[in-house]
N, C-alpha and C. Protein backbone atom coordinates (compact mmCIF):
# COMPACT_ATOMS: atom_id res chain seq x y z
N UNK A 1 82.46 84.23 120.59
CA UNK A 1 82.92 85.36 119.80
C UNK A 1 82.26 86.62 120.34
N UNK A 2 83.07 87.48 120.95
CA UNK A 2 82.49 88.63 121.62
C UNK A 2 83.49 89.77 121.69
N UNK A 3 83.00 90.97 121.97
CA UNK A 3 83.87 92.12 122.20
C UNK A 3 83.99 92.35 123.70
N UNK A 4 85.23 92.59 124.13
CA UNK A 4 85.47 92.83 125.55
C UNK A 4 86.26 94.13 125.68
N UNK A 5 86.51 94.56 126.91
CA UNK A 5 87.26 95.78 127.18
C UNK A 5 88.52 95.43 127.96
N UNK A 6 89.65 96.04 127.56
CA UNK A 6 90.94 95.78 128.20
C UNK A 6 91.47 97.11 128.72
N UNK A 7 91.90 97.18 130.01
CA UNK A 7 92.45 98.43 130.52
C UNK A 7 93.80 98.75 129.91
N UNK A 8 93.99 100.01 129.50
CA UNK A 8 95.28 100.45 128.96
C UNK A 8 96.22 100.82 130.11
N UNK A 9 97.49 100.66 129.88
CA UNK A 9 98.47 100.92 130.93
C UNK A 9 98.55 102.38 131.33
N UNK A 10 98.18 103.29 130.42
CA UNK A 10 98.26 104.72 130.71
C UNK A 10 96.90 105.34 130.95
N UNK A 11 95.94 104.49 131.32
CA UNK A 11 94.60 104.98 131.61
C UNK A 11 93.66 104.74 130.45
N UNK A 12 92.37 104.68 130.74
CA UNK A 12 91.39 104.39 129.72
C UNK A 12 91.32 102.90 129.44
N UNK A 13 90.59 102.56 128.41
CA UNK A 13 90.45 101.15 128.03
C UNK A 13 90.12 101.09 126.55
N UNK A 14 90.36 99.91 125.98
CA UNK A 14 90.09 99.73 124.55
C UNK A 14 89.36 98.41 124.35
N UNK A 15 88.61 98.34 123.27
CA UNK A 15 87.85 97.12 122.99
C UNK A 15 88.72 96.11 122.25
N UNK A 16 88.31 94.86 122.31
CA UNK A 16 89.01 93.80 121.58
C UNK A 16 88.01 92.71 121.25
N UNK A 17 88.19 92.10 120.10
CA UNK A 17 87.34 90.99 119.68
C UNK A 17 88.00 89.70 120.15
N UNK A 18 87.22 88.82 120.78
CA UNK A 18 87.74 87.57 121.31
C UNK A 18 87.00 86.39 120.68
N UNK A 19 87.77 85.41 120.24
CA UNK A 19 87.19 84.17 119.72
C UNK A 19 87.80 83.01 120.50
N UNK A 20 86.91 82.19 121.08
CA UNK A 20 87.36 81.06 121.92
C UNK A 20 87.22 79.75 121.15
N UNK A 21 88.13 78.80 121.41
CA UNK A 21 87.99 77.47 120.80
C UNK A 21 86.71 76.79 121.28
N UNK A 22 86.18 75.93 120.46
CA UNK A 22 84.91 75.28 120.78
C UNK A 22 85.05 74.22 121.86
N UNK A 23 86.24 73.64 121.98
CA UNK A 23 86.40 72.47 122.84
C UNK A 23 86.30 72.72 124.32
N UNK A 24 86.47 73.98 124.75
CA UNK A 24 86.48 74.25 126.17
C UNK A 24 87.84 73.92 126.78
N UNK A 25 88.06 74.38 128.03
CA UNK A 25 89.35 74.17 128.65
C UNK A 25 90.35 75.22 128.22
N UNK A 26 91.42 75.38 129.00
CA UNK A 26 92.40 76.41 128.67
C UNK A 26 93.08 76.15 127.33
N UNK A 27 93.37 77.22 126.62
CA UNK A 27 94.02 77.15 125.31
C UNK A 27 95.15 78.17 125.27
N UNK A 28 96.15 77.96 124.43
CA UNK A 28 97.18 78.98 124.26
C UNK A 28 96.56 80.25 123.68
N UNK A 29 97.13 81.38 124.06
CA UNK A 29 96.59 82.66 123.63
C UNK A 29 97.29 83.20 122.40
N UNK A 30 96.57 83.99 121.62
CA UNK A 30 97.12 84.58 120.41
C UNK A 30 96.56 86.00 120.25
N UNK A 31 97.46 86.99 120.28
CA UNK A 31 97.07 88.37 119.99
C UNK A 31 97.14 88.56 118.48
N UNK A 32 96.00 88.79 117.86
CA UNK A 32 95.92 88.99 116.41
C UNK A 32 95.96 90.50 116.17
N UNK A 33 96.99 90.96 115.44
CA UNK A 33 97.22 92.40 115.31
C UNK A 33 96.70 92.90 113.97
N UNK A 34 95.88 93.92 114.03
CA UNK A 34 95.11 94.42 112.90
C UNK A 34 95.97 94.98 111.77
N UNK A 35 95.39 95.00 110.58
CA UNK A 35 95.90 95.77 109.46
C UNK A 35 95.52 97.23 109.68
N UNK A 36 95.63 98.04 108.62
CA UNK A 36 95.32 99.47 108.76
C UNK A 36 93.82 99.77 108.68
N UNK A 37 93.00 98.72 108.60
CA UNK A 37 91.57 98.90 108.41
C UNK A 37 90.76 98.69 109.69
N UNK A 38 91.44 98.57 110.83
CA UNK A 38 90.75 98.39 112.09
C UNK A 38 90.38 96.93 112.34
N UNK A 39 89.60 96.72 113.38
CA UNK A 39 89.17 95.35 113.74
C UNK A 39 87.92 95.05 112.91
N UNK A 40 88.14 94.84 111.63
CA UNK A 40 87.03 94.67 110.68
C UNK A 40 86.69 93.19 110.50
N UNK A 41 85.86 92.91 109.54
CA UNK A 41 85.42 91.53 109.31
C UNK A 41 86.59 90.61 109.00
N UNK A 42 87.58 91.11 108.24
CA UNK A 42 88.75 90.29 107.92
C UNK A 42 89.45 89.84 109.20
N UNK A 43 89.67 90.76 110.12
CA UNK A 43 90.38 90.43 111.36
C UNK A 43 89.53 89.51 112.25
N UNK A 44 88.22 89.76 112.27
CA UNK A 44 87.34 88.92 113.09
C UNK A 44 87.30 87.49 112.52
N UNK A 45 87.27 87.41 111.19
CA UNK A 45 87.29 86.07 110.58
C UNK A 45 88.60 85.35 110.86
N UNK A 46 89.71 86.10 110.85
CA UNK A 46 90.99 85.49 111.19
C UNK A 46 90.97 84.96 112.62
N UNK A 47 90.44 85.74 113.54
CA UNK A 47 90.33 85.28 114.93
C UNK A 47 89.48 84.01 115.02
N UNK A 48 88.36 84.01 114.33
CA UNK A 48 87.50 82.82 114.34
C UNK A 48 88.26 81.61 113.78
N UNK A 49 89.06 81.84 112.73
CA UNK A 49 89.84 80.75 112.15
C UNK A 49 90.89 80.23 113.11
N UNK A 50 91.56 81.13 113.82
CA UNK A 50 92.55 80.69 114.80
C UNK A 50 91.88 79.95 115.96
N UNK A 51 90.70 80.42 116.36
CA UNK A 51 89.97 79.73 117.43
C UNK A 51 89.60 78.31 117.00
N UNK A 52 89.23 78.16 115.73
CA UNK A 52 88.90 76.82 115.21
C UNK A 52 90.12 75.90 115.23
N UNK A 53 91.32 76.49 115.18
CA UNK A 53 92.55 75.71 115.26
C UNK A 53 92.98 75.43 116.70
N UNK A 54 92.24 76.01 117.66
CA UNK A 54 92.54 75.72 119.06
C UNK A 54 93.19 76.84 119.84
N UNK A 55 93.22 78.05 119.29
CA UNK A 55 93.82 79.18 119.98
C UNK A 55 92.74 80.08 120.58
N UNK A 56 93.04 80.69 121.72
CA UNK A 56 92.21 81.75 122.27
C UNK A 56 92.68 83.04 121.63
N UNK A 57 91.95 83.54 120.65
CA UNK A 57 92.41 84.64 119.81
C UNK A 57 91.74 85.95 120.20
N UNK A 58 92.53 87.01 120.31
CA UNK A 58 91.99 88.32 120.66
C UNK A 58 92.63 89.38 119.77
N UNK A 59 91.80 90.24 119.20
CA UNK A 59 92.26 91.30 118.31
C UNK A 59 91.89 92.66 118.91
N UNK A 60 92.88 93.40 119.45
CA UNK A 60 92.58 94.67 120.10
C UNK A 60 92.45 95.82 119.10
N UNK A 61 91.66 96.81 119.46
CA UNK A 61 91.45 98.01 118.65
C UNK A 61 92.60 98.98 118.94
N UNK A 62 93.54 99.08 118.01
CA UNK A 62 94.71 99.93 118.22
C UNK A 62 94.49 101.38 117.80
N UNK A 63 93.38 101.65 117.15
CA UNK A 63 93.07 103.02 116.73
C UNK A 63 92.21 103.75 117.76
N UNK A 64 92.00 103.15 118.92
CA UNK A 64 91.00 103.67 119.86
C UNK A 64 91.31 105.08 120.35
N UNK A 65 92.57 105.47 120.40
CA UNK A 65 92.90 106.81 120.85
C UNK A 65 92.49 107.87 119.82
N UNK A 66 92.44 107.47 118.54
CA UNK A 66 92.00 108.38 117.48
C UNK A 66 90.50 108.27 117.24
N UNK A 67 90.05 107.05 117.08
CA UNK A 67 88.64 106.80 116.75
C UNK A 67 88.30 105.35 117.11
N UNK A 68 87.58 105.12 118.20
CA UNK A 68 87.27 103.75 118.59
C UNK A 68 86.35 103.06 117.58
N UNK A 69 86.52 101.77 117.44
CA UNK A 69 85.58 100.95 116.68
C UNK A 69 85.68 101.04 115.18
N UNK A 70 86.84 101.42 114.66
CA UNK A 70 87.01 101.52 113.21
C UNK A 70 86.88 100.14 112.56
N UNK A 71 86.04 100.06 111.53
CA UNK A 71 85.90 98.83 110.74
C UNK A 71 85.66 99.24 109.29
N UNK A 72 86.74 99.32 108.52
CA UNK A 72 86.63 99.70 107.12
C UNK A 72 87.21 98.60 106.24
N UNK A 73 87.03 98.73 104.94
CA UNK A 73 87.50 97.70 104.01
C UNK A 73 88.58 98.28 103.10
N UNK A 74 89.06 97.44 102.19
CA UNK A 74 90.08 97.86 101.23
C UNK A 74 89.46 98.07 99.84
N UNK A 75 88.16 98.31 99.78
CA UNK A 75 87.45 98.28 98.50
C UNK A 75 87.34 99.64 97.79
N UNK A 76 87.52 100.75 98.52
CA UNK A 76 87.39 102.05 97.87
C UNK A 76 88.60 102.92 98.21
N UNK A 77 88.90 103.87 97.33
CA UNK A 77 90.02 104.79 97.57
C UNK A 77 89.76 105.64 98.81
N UNK A 78 88.51 106.00 99.03
CA UNK A 78 88.17 106.79 100.22
C UNK A 78 88.54 106.04 101.48
N UNK A 79 88.26 104.74 101.51
CA UNK A 79 88.60 103.93 102.69
C UNK A 79 90.11 103.78 102.84
N UNK A 80 90.81 103.59 101.72
CA UNK A 80 92.28 103.54 101.77
C UNK A 80 92.83 104.84 102.35
N UNK A 81 92.32 105.96 101.91
CA UNK A 81 92.79 107.25 102.40
C UNK A 81 92.57 107.37 103.91
N UNK A 82 91.40 106.93 104.35
CA UNK A 82 91.10 106.99 105.78
C UNK A 82 92.01 106.05 106.56
N UNK A 83 92.25 104.86 105.99
CA UNK A 83 93.11 103.88 106.66
C UNK A 83 94.53 104.40 106.80
N UNK A 84 95.06 105.02 105.75
CA UNK A 84 96.41 105.57 105.82
C UNK A 84 96.48 106.73 106.82
N UNK A 85 95.43 107.53 106.88
CA UNK A 85 95.41 108.63 107.85
C UNK A 85 95.44 108.08 109.27
N UNK A 86 94.69 107.03 109.52
CA UNK A 86 94.69 106.41 110.85
C UNK A 86 96.05 105.81 111.17
N UNK A 87 96.66 105.13 110.20
CA UNK A 87 97.98 104.55 110.42
C UNK A 87 99.01 105.64 110.72
N UNK A 88 98.96 106.72 109.94
CA UNK A 88 99.92 107.80 110.14
C UNK A 88 99.71 108.52 111.47
N UNK A 89 98.48 108.47 111.97
CA UNK A 89 98.18 109.11 113.25
C UNK A 89 98.42 108.21 114.45
N UNK A 90 98.80 106.97 114.20
CA UNK A 90 98.97 106.01 115.29
C UNK A 90 100.31 106.22 115.98
N UNK A 91 100.28 106.33 117.30
CA UNK A 91 101.50 106.32 118.10
C UNK A 91 101.89 104.85 118.29
N UNK A 92 102.88 104.41 117.53
CA UNK A 92 103.19 102.97 117.51
C UNK A 92 103.80 102.50 118.83
N UNK A 93 104.51 103.37 119.52
CA UNK A 93 105.03 102.98 120.83
C UNK A 93 103.88 102.69 121.80
N UNK A 94 102.86 103.53 121.76
CA UNK A 94 101.69 103.29 122.61
C UNK A 94 100.93 102.05 122.14
N UNK A 95 100.91 101.83 120.83
CA UNK A 95 100.25 100.62 120.31
C UNK A 95 100.93 99.37 120.84
N UNK A 96 102.25 99.38 120.91
CA UNK A 96 102.97 98.23 121.48
C UNK A 96 102.58 98.04 122.95
N UNK A 97 102.45 99.16 123.68
CA UNK A 97 102.03 99.04 125.08
C UNK A 97 100.62 98.46 125.18
N UNK A 98 99.74 98.84 124.26
CA UNK A 98 98.39 98.26 124.23
C UNK A 98 98.45 96.76 123.93
N UNK A 99 99.36 96.38 123.05
CA UNK A 99 99.52 94.95 122.74
C UNK A 99 100.08 94.19 123.94
N UNK A 100 100.98 94.81 124.66
CA UNK A 100 101.49 94.18 125.89
C UNK A 100 100.36 94.02 126.91
N UNK A 101 99.49 95.02 127.00
CA UNK A 101 98.35 94.93 127.92
C UNK A 101 97.41 93.80 127.49
N UNK A 102 97.24 93.64 126.17
CA UNK A 102 96.42 92.54 125.65
C UNK A 102 97.05 91.20 125.96
N UNK A 103 98.36 91.11 125.81
CA UNK A 103 99.09 89.89 126.13
C UNK A 103 98.91 89.54 127.61
N UNK A 104 99.02 90.54 128.47
CA UNK A 104 98.85 90.32 129.91
C UNK A 104 97.41 89.89 130.22
N UNK A 105 96.44 90.52 129.52
CA UNK A 105 95.04 90.13 129.73
C UNK A 105 94.85 88.66 129.36
N UNK A 106 95.43 88.27 128.24
CA UNK A 106 95.32 86.87 127.80
C UNK A 106 95.91 85.92 128.83
N UNK A 107 97.11 86.21 129.25
CA UNK A 107 97.80 85.31 130.18
C UNK A 107 97.09 85.19 131.51
N UNK A 108 96.37 86.25 131.88
CA UNK A 108 95.63 86.22 133.13
C UNK A 108 94.23 85.66 133.00
N UNK A 109 93.83 85.32 131.79
CA UNK A 109 92.48 84.80 131.54
C UNK A 109 92.42 83.31 131.88
N UNK A 110 91.42 82.88 132.63
CA UNK A 110 91.32 81.46 132.98
C UNK A 110 91.17 80.54 131.77
N UNK A 111 90.75 81.09 130.64
CA UNK A 111 90.63 80.28 129.42
C UNK A 111 91.95 80.10 128.70
N UNK A 112 93.02 80.73 129.23
CA UNK A 112 94.34 80.67 128.59
C UNK A 112 95.29 79.80 129.40
N UNK A 113 96.14 79.08 128.72
CA UNK A 113 97.13 78.23 129.39
C UNK A 113 98.24 79.04 130.05
N UNK A 114 98.35 80.30 129.69
CA UNK A 114 99.43 81.14 130.19
C UNK A 114 100.47 81.42 129.12
N UNK A 115 100.49 80.57 128.11
CA UNK A 115 101.37 80.84 126.96
C UNK A 115 100.59 81.67 125.94
N UNK A 116 101.29 82.67 125.38
CA UNK A 116 100.60 83.54 124.43
C UNK A 116 101.61 84.19 123.49
N UNK A 117 101.19 84.36 122.24
CA UNK A 117 102.03 84.98 121.23
C UNK A 117 101.25 85.98 120.42
N UNK A 118 101.87 86.45 119.33
CA UNK A 118 101.23 87.42 118.46
C UNK A 118 101.32 86.98 117.01
N UNK A 119 100.36 87.43 116.22
CA UNK A 119 100.42 87.30 114.76
C UNK A 119 99.82 88.57 114.17
N UNK A 120 100.57 89.22 113.27
CA UNK A 120 100.11 90.49 112.73
C UNK A 120 100.30 90.58 111.23
N UNK A 121 99.48 91.45 110.64
CA UNK A 121 99.41 91.58 109.19
C UNK A 121 99.58 93.04 108.80
N UNK A 122 100.47 93.32 107.81
CA UNK A 122 100.63 94.68 107.30
C UNK A 122 101.17 95.58 108.43
N UNK A 123 100.44 96.59 108.83
CA UNK A 123 100.82 97.36 110.03
C UNK A 123 101.01 96.40 111.20
N UNK A 124 100.12 95.42 111.33
CA UNK A 124 100.24 94.44 112.39
C UNK A 124 101.49 93.59 112.28
N UNK A 125 101.96 93.39 111.04
CA UNK A 125 103.21 92.66 110.84
C UNK A 125 104.40 93.43 111.39
N UNK A 126 104.36 94.75 111.21
CA UNK A 126 105.39 95.61 111.81
C UNK A 126 105.31 95.56 113.33
N UNK A 127 104.10 95.63 113.87
CA UNK A 127 103.93 95.64 115.31
C UNK A 127 104.28 94.29 115.94
N UNK A 128 104.05 93.19 115.21
CA UNK A 128 104.47 91.87 115.70
C UNK A 128 106.00 91.81 115.80
N UNK A 129 106.67 92.40 114.83
CA UNK A 129 108.14 92.50 114.85
C UNK A 129 108.57 93.31 116.08
N UNK A 130 107.88 94.41 116.33
CA UNK A 130 108.20 95.24 117.50
C UNK A 130 107.92 94.50 118.80
N UNK A 131 106.87 93.70 118.83
CA UNK A 131 106.59 92.89 120.02
C UNK A 131 107.68 91.85 120.25
N UNK A 132 108.21 91.30 119.17
CA UNK A 132 109.30 90.34 119.30
C UNK A 132 110.52 90.99 119.95
N UNK A 133 110.74 92.27 119.64
CA UNK A 133 111.90 92.97 120.17
C UNK A 133 111.66 93.61 121.54
N UNK A 134 110.40 93.90 121.85
CA UNK A 134 110.13 94.72 123.04
C UNK A 134 109.30 94.04 124.12
N UNK A 135 108.86 92.81 123.89
CA UNK A 135 108.00 92.16 124.89
C UNK A 135 108.50 90.74 125.17
N UNK A 136 107.86 90.11 126.15
CA UNK A 136 108.20 88.72 126.47
C UNK A 136 107.20 87.74 125.85
N UNK A 137 106.57 88.15 124.76
CA UNK A 137 105.66 87.26 124.03
C UNK A 137 106.37 85.95 123.71
N UNK A 138 105.66 84.84 123.83
CA UNK A 138 106.28 83.52 123.67
C UNK A 138 106.62 83.18 122.22
N UNK A 139 105.95 83.83 121.26
CA UNK A 139 106.23 83.61 119.84
C UNK A 139 105.54 84.72 119.06
N UNK A 140 106.10 85.08 117.91
CA UNK A 140 105.54 86.18 117.13
C UNK A 140 105.61 85.84 115.64
N UNK A 141 104.55 86.22 114.92
CA UNK A 141 104.48 85.97 113.47
C UNK A 141 104.17 87.28 112.77
N UNK A 142 104.99 87.64 111.79
CA UNK A 142 104.83 88.88 111.04
C UNK A 142 104.53 88.57 109.58
N UNK A 143 103.34 88.96 109.13
CA UNK A 143 102.97 88.85 107.72
C UNK A 143 103.20 90.20 107.04
N UNK A 144 104.06 90.22 106.04
CA UNK A 144 104.37 91.38 105.22
C UNK A 144 104.35 92.70 106.00
N UNK A 145 105.21 92.72 107.03
CA UNK A 145 105.34 93.93 107.83
C UNK A 145 105.90 95.09 107.01
N UNK A 146 105.45 96.29 107.30
CA UNK A 146 105.87 97.47 106.56
C UNK A 146 106.84 98.31 107.40
N UNK A 147 107.79 98.95 106.72
CA UNK A 147 108.71 99.84 107.41
C UNK A 147 109.69 99.16 108.34
N UNK A 148 109.93 97.89 108.13
CA UNK A 148 110.83 97.16 109.03
C UNK A 148 112.28 97.58 108.88
N UNK A 149 112.62 98.17 107.73
CA UNK A 149 114.00 98.61 107.54
C UNK A 149 114.38 99.70 108.52
N UNK A 150 113.41 100.39 109.09
CA UNK A 150 113.67 101.39 110.11
C UNK A 150 113.80 100.82 111.52
N UNK A 151 113.61 99.51 111.63
CA UNK A 151 113.65 98.86 112.95
C UNK A 151 114.80 97.87 113.08
N UNK A 152 115.72 97.86 112.13
CA UNK A 152 116.77 96.84 112.15
C UNK A 152 117.67 96.95 113.38
N UNK A 153 117.73 98.14 113.97
CA UNK A 153 118.51 98.31 115.19
C UNK A 153 117.95 97.54 116.37
N UNK A 154 116.69 97.10 116.27
CA UNK A 154 116.06 96.36 117.37
C UNK A 154 116.24 94.85 117.24
N UNK A 155 116.80 94.40 116.12
CA UNK A 155 116.95 92.96 115.89
C UNK A 155 117.71 92.26 117.02
N UNK A 156 118.80 92.84 117.55
CA UNK A 156 119.50 92.15 118.65
C UNK A 156 118.64 91.92 119.89
N UNK A 157 117.55 92.68 120.03
CA UNK A 157 116.68 92.53 121.19
C UNK A 157 115.66 91.41 121.03
N UNK A 158 115.61 90.79 119.86
CA UNK A 158 114.64 89.71 119.63
C UNK A 158 115.18 88.44 120.26
N UNK A 159 114.63 88.09 121.43
CA UNK A 159 115.15 86.97 122.21
C UNK A 159 114.24 85.74 122.13
N UNK A 160 113.05 85.90 121.53
CA UNK A 160 112.12 84.79 121.37
C UNK A 160 111.88 84.52 119.91
N UNK A 161 111.20 83.42 119.59
CA UNK A 161 110.99 83.04 118.20
C UNK A 161 110.11 84.01 117.42
N UNK A 162 110.60 84.39 116.23
CA UNK A 162 109.88 85.27 115.32
C UNK A 162 109.87 84.63 113.94
N UNK A 163 108.68 84.49 113.36
CA UNK A 163 108.50 83.98 112.00
C UNK A 163 108.04 85.12 111.12
N UNK A 164 108.75 85.32 109.99
CA UNK A 164 108.43 86.42 109.09
C UNK A 164 108.02 85.89 107.72
N UNK A 165 106.89 86.39 107.22
CA UNK A 165 106.43 86.11 105.86
C UNK A 165 106.58 87.39 105.05
N UNK A 166 107.43 87.37 104.03
CA UNK A 166 107.80 88.56 103.28
C UNK A 166 107.42 88.39 101.81
N UNK A 167 106.69 89.38 101.28
CA UNK A 167 106.30 89.35 99.86
C UNK A 167 107.43 89.94 99.02
N UNK A 168 107.89 89.17 98.04
CA UNK A 168 109.02 89.63 97.22
C UNK A 168 108.69 90.92 96.47
N UNK A 169 107.48 91.03 95.98
CA UNK A 169 107.08 92.19 95.18
C UNK A 169 106.15 93.13 95.95
N UNK A 170 106.37 93.25 97.24
CA UNK A 170 105.52 94.09 98.09
C UNK A 170 105.59 95.54 97.62
N UNK A 171 104.43 96.07 97.24
CA UNK A 171 104.40 97.44 96.70
C UNK A 171 104.71 98.49 97.76
N UNK A 172 104.67 98.11 99.03
CA UNK A 172 104.96 99.04 100.11
C UNK A 172 106.38 98.86 100.67
N UNK A 173 107.12 97.88 100.15
CA UNK A 173 108.47 97.60 100.66
C UNK A 173 109.44 97.49 99.48
N UNK A 174 110.22 98.52 99.22
CA UNK A 174 111.19 98.46 98.13
C UNK A 174 112.21 97.33 98.33
N UNK A 175 112.78 96.88 97.24
CA UNK A 175 113.75 95.79 97.30
C UNK A 175 114.89 96.10 98.26
N UNK A 176 115.39 97.33 98.23
CA UNK A 176 116.51 97.71 99.09
C UNK A 176 116.13 97.58 100.57
N UNK A 177 114.90 97.96 100.90
CA UNK A 177 114.43 97.85 102.27
C UNK A 177 114.33 96.38 102.69
N UNK A 178 113.79 95.56 101.78
CA UNK A 178 113.67 94.13 102.08
C UNK A 178 115.04 93.51 102.32
N UNK A 179 116.00 93.82 101.47
CA UNK A 179 117.33 93.25 101.60
C UNK A 179 118.00 93.69 102.90
N UNK A 180 117.75 94.94 103.30
CA UNK A 180 118.31 95.44 104.57
C UNK A 180 117.75 94.65 105.75
N UNK A 181 116.46 94.38 105.72
CA UNK A 181 115.82 93.62 106.80
C UNK A 181 116.34 92.18 106.83
N UNK A 182 116.40 91.55 105.67
CA UNK A 182 116.87 90.16 105.62
C UNK A 182 118.31 90.04 106.11
N UNK A 183 119.15 91.01 105.74
CA UNK A 183 120.54 90.98 106.20
C UNK A 183 120.62 91.15 107.71
N UNK A 184 119.74 91.99 108.26
CA UNK A 184 119.76 92.26 109.70
C UNK A 184 119.33 91.05 110.51
N UNK A 185 118.29 90.36 110.05
CA UNK A 185 117.76 89.24 110.85
C UNK A 185 118.57 87.96 110.66
N UNK A 186 119.39 87.92 109.62
CA UNK A 186 120.13 86.69 109.30
C UNK A 186 121.02 86.25 110.47
N UNK A 187 121.54 87.23 111.21
CA UNK A 187 122.44 86.90 112.30
C UNK A 187 121.75 86.54 113.60
N UNK A 188 120.42 86.61 113.65
CA UNK A 188 119.70 86.29 114.88
C UNK A 188 119.04 84.92 114.73
N UNK A 189 119.50 83.91 115.48
CA UNK A 189 118.97 82.56 115.32
C UNK A 189 117.52 82.40 115.74
N UNK A 190 116.96 83.41 116.39
CA UNK A 190 115.56 83.34 116.82
C UNK A 190 114.59 83.71 115.70
N UNK A 191 115.12 84.24 114.59
CA UNK A 191 114.27 84.73 113.50
C UNK A 191 114.33 83.79 112.31
N UNK A 192 113.16 83.43 111.80
CA UNK A 192 113.03 82.67 110.56
C UNK A 192 112.26 83.53 109.57
N UNK A 193 112.86 83.79 108.40
CA UNK A 193 112.24 84.66 107.40
C UNK A 193 112.04 83.90 106.10
N UNK A 194 110.84 83.94 105.57
CA UNK A 194 110.52 83.32 104.28
C UNK A 194 110.11 84.42 103.31
N UNK A 195 110.70 84.41 102.11
CA UNK A 195 110.33 85.34 101.06
C UNK A 195 109.49 84.59 100.02
N UNK A 196 108.34 85.16 99.67
CA UNK A 196 107.40 84.51 98.76
C UNK A 196 107.56 85.13 97.37
N UNK A 197 108.14 84.35 96.46
CA UNK A 197 108.51 84.84 95.14
C UNK A 197 107.29 85.34 94.37
N UNK A 198 107.41 86.52 93.80
CA UNK A 198 106.37 87.07 92.95
C UNK A 198 105.16 87.61 93.68
N UNK A 199 105.12 87.50 95.01
CA UNK A 199 103.93 87.90 95.75
C UNK A 199 103.96 89.39 96.09
N UNK A 200 102.75 89.98 96.09
CA UNK A 200 102.59 91.38 96.46
C UNK A 200 102.06 91.44 97.90
N UNK A 201 101.97 92.66 98.41
CA UNK A 201 101.49 92.90 99.77
C UNK A 201 100.12 92.25 99.98
N UNK A 202 99.91 91.71 101.19
CA UNK A 202 98.62 91.13 101.58
C UNK A 202 98.22 89.93 100.74
N UNK A 203 99.21 89.14 100.34
CA UNK A 203 98.90 87.96 99.53
C UNK A 203 98.10 86.91 100.29
N UNK A 204 98.04 87.03 101.62
CA UNK A 204 97.29 86.05 102.41
C UNK A 204 95.91 86.54 102.82
N UNK A 205 95.52 87.75 102.39
CA UNK A 205 94.20 88.27 102.75
C UNK A 205 93.16 87.79 101.76
N UNK A 206 92.32 86.87 102.21
CA UNK A 206 91.27 86.35 101.34
C UNK A 206 90.35 87.48 100.89
N UNK A 207 90.09 87.51 99.58
CA UNK A 207 89.23 88.54 99.03
C UNK A 207 89.98 89.79 98.62
N UNK A 208 91.26 89.89 98.97
CA UNK A 208 92.05 91.06 98.61
C UNK A 208 92.53 90.99 97.16
N UNK A 209 92.96 92.13 96.64
CA UNK A 209 93.38 92.21 95.24
C UNK A 209 94.57 91.30 94.93
N UNK A 210 95.42 91.06 95.90
CA UNK A 210 96.65 90.31 95.65
C UNK A 210 96.65 88.95 96.34
N UNK A 211 95.47 88.50 96.75
CA UNK A 211 95.37 87.19 97.40
C UNK A 211 95.87 86.09 96.48
N UNK A 212 96.71 85.23 97.01
CA UNK A 212 97.22 84.08 96.27
C UNK A 212 97.02 82.85 97.15
N UNK A 213 96.11 81.99 96.75
CA UNK A 213 95.71 80.85 97.59
C UNK A 213 96.88 79.93 97.90
N UNK A 214 97.71 79.67 96.91
CA UNK A 214 98.82 78.74 97.12
C UNK A 214 99.84 79.32 98.12
N UNK A 215 100.23 80.56 97.90
CA UNK A 215 101.19 81.19 98.81
C UNK A 215 100.60 81.34 100.21
N UNK A 216 99.32 81.69 100.28
CA UNK A 216 98.65 81.83 101.58
C UNK A 216 98.63 80.50 102.31
N UNK A 217 98.34 79.42 101.60
CA UNK A 217 98.31 78.09 102.23
C UNK A 217 99.68 77.73 102.79
N UNK A 218 100.74 78.03 102.03
CA UNK A 218 102.09 77.73 102.50
C UNK A 218 102.41 78.55 103.75
N UNK A 219 102.14 79.85 103.68
CA UNK A 219 102.43 80.72 104.81
C UNK A 219 101.62 80.33 106.04
N UNK A 220 100.34 80.08 105.85
CA UNK A 220 99.48 79.74 106.98
C UNK A 220 99.84 78.38 107.58
N UNK A 221 100.30 77.45 106.73
CA UNK A 221 100.76 76.16 107.22
C UNK A 221 102.01 76.32 108.07
N UNK A 222 102.92 77.17 107.62
CA UNK A 222 104.13 77.44 108.40
C UNK A 222 103.78 78.11 109.73
N UNK A 223 102.81 79.03 109.68
CA UNK A 223 102.38 79.70 110.91
C UNK A 223 101.79 78.71 111.90
N UNK A 224 100.92 77.81 111.42
CA UNK A 224 100.29 76.83 112.30
C UNK A 224 101.32 75.94 112.97
N UNK A 225 102.31 75.47 112.20
CA UNK A 225 103.36 74.60 112.75
C UNK A 225 104.22 75.36 113.75
N UNK A 226 104.53 76.60 113.43
CA UNK A 226 105.35 77.44 114.30
C UNK A 226 104.64 77.70 115.64
N UNK A 227 103.38 78.07 115.58
CA UNK A 227 102.64 78.35 116.80
C UNK A 227 102.46 77.09 117.65
N UNK A 228 102.21 75.97 116.99
CA UNK A 228 102.08 74.71 117.73
C UNK A 228 103.38 74.36 118.44
N UNK A 229 104.50 74.60 117.76
CA UNK A 229 105.80 74.29 118.35
C UNK A 229 106.09 75.15 119.57
N UNK A 230 105.76 76.43 119.50
CA UNK A 230 106.19 77.35 120.54
C UNK A 230 105.11 77.69 121.58
N UNK A 231 103.86 77.45 121.24
CA UNK A 231 102.77 77.79 122.17
C UNK A 231 101.95 76.57 122.58
N UNK A 232 101.90 75.56 121.72
CA UNK A 232 101.01 74.43 121.94
C UNK A 232 101.41 73.55 123.11
């Protein structure tokens, strides 16, 4: 478990947290895409958890162009305000390019089998959706992605497997937006979307206000099976 540096395609470099499986030998790669709180303890713990399942997990710092090394929590309004400011200041097209650079770094790493995918949460869920449409990632998982109704025009470009976990009562995704997204992906056989009844945003974040252990277990079980099928 360590922090490394990855060169950006447009110059400069950004840090990323890497967690390796204990067993040794090459493992499939997984780009873990941050929420709006940076590469914080939640994201590092997720990487450690994926590594324990046998994945070479790496979580890149996507806020590095604004402020490198952001690690905040969801516990105070001040932190929420800062997190939203960072999200609003993020150039998401450049973030996707950084994720592609991370994917390339993974595939070129001797500890990786060459197969690699993404899994993202919140903002990261949106970016995982964008990676499914804009990259050659081998598989992508989106947890409660935000603003996806503005990306429905990219659905035809999704040529690889995408798994979506959608909260029915997501406070950041109105019902009309959710229905628009579900209707758009229905026609693409590469996309599997699950809606979790009664769940609010971030229902899979342990320690969060809306964490639901049962729904999280179901979603995480589906994710594990999906990644094993497409990357394992």
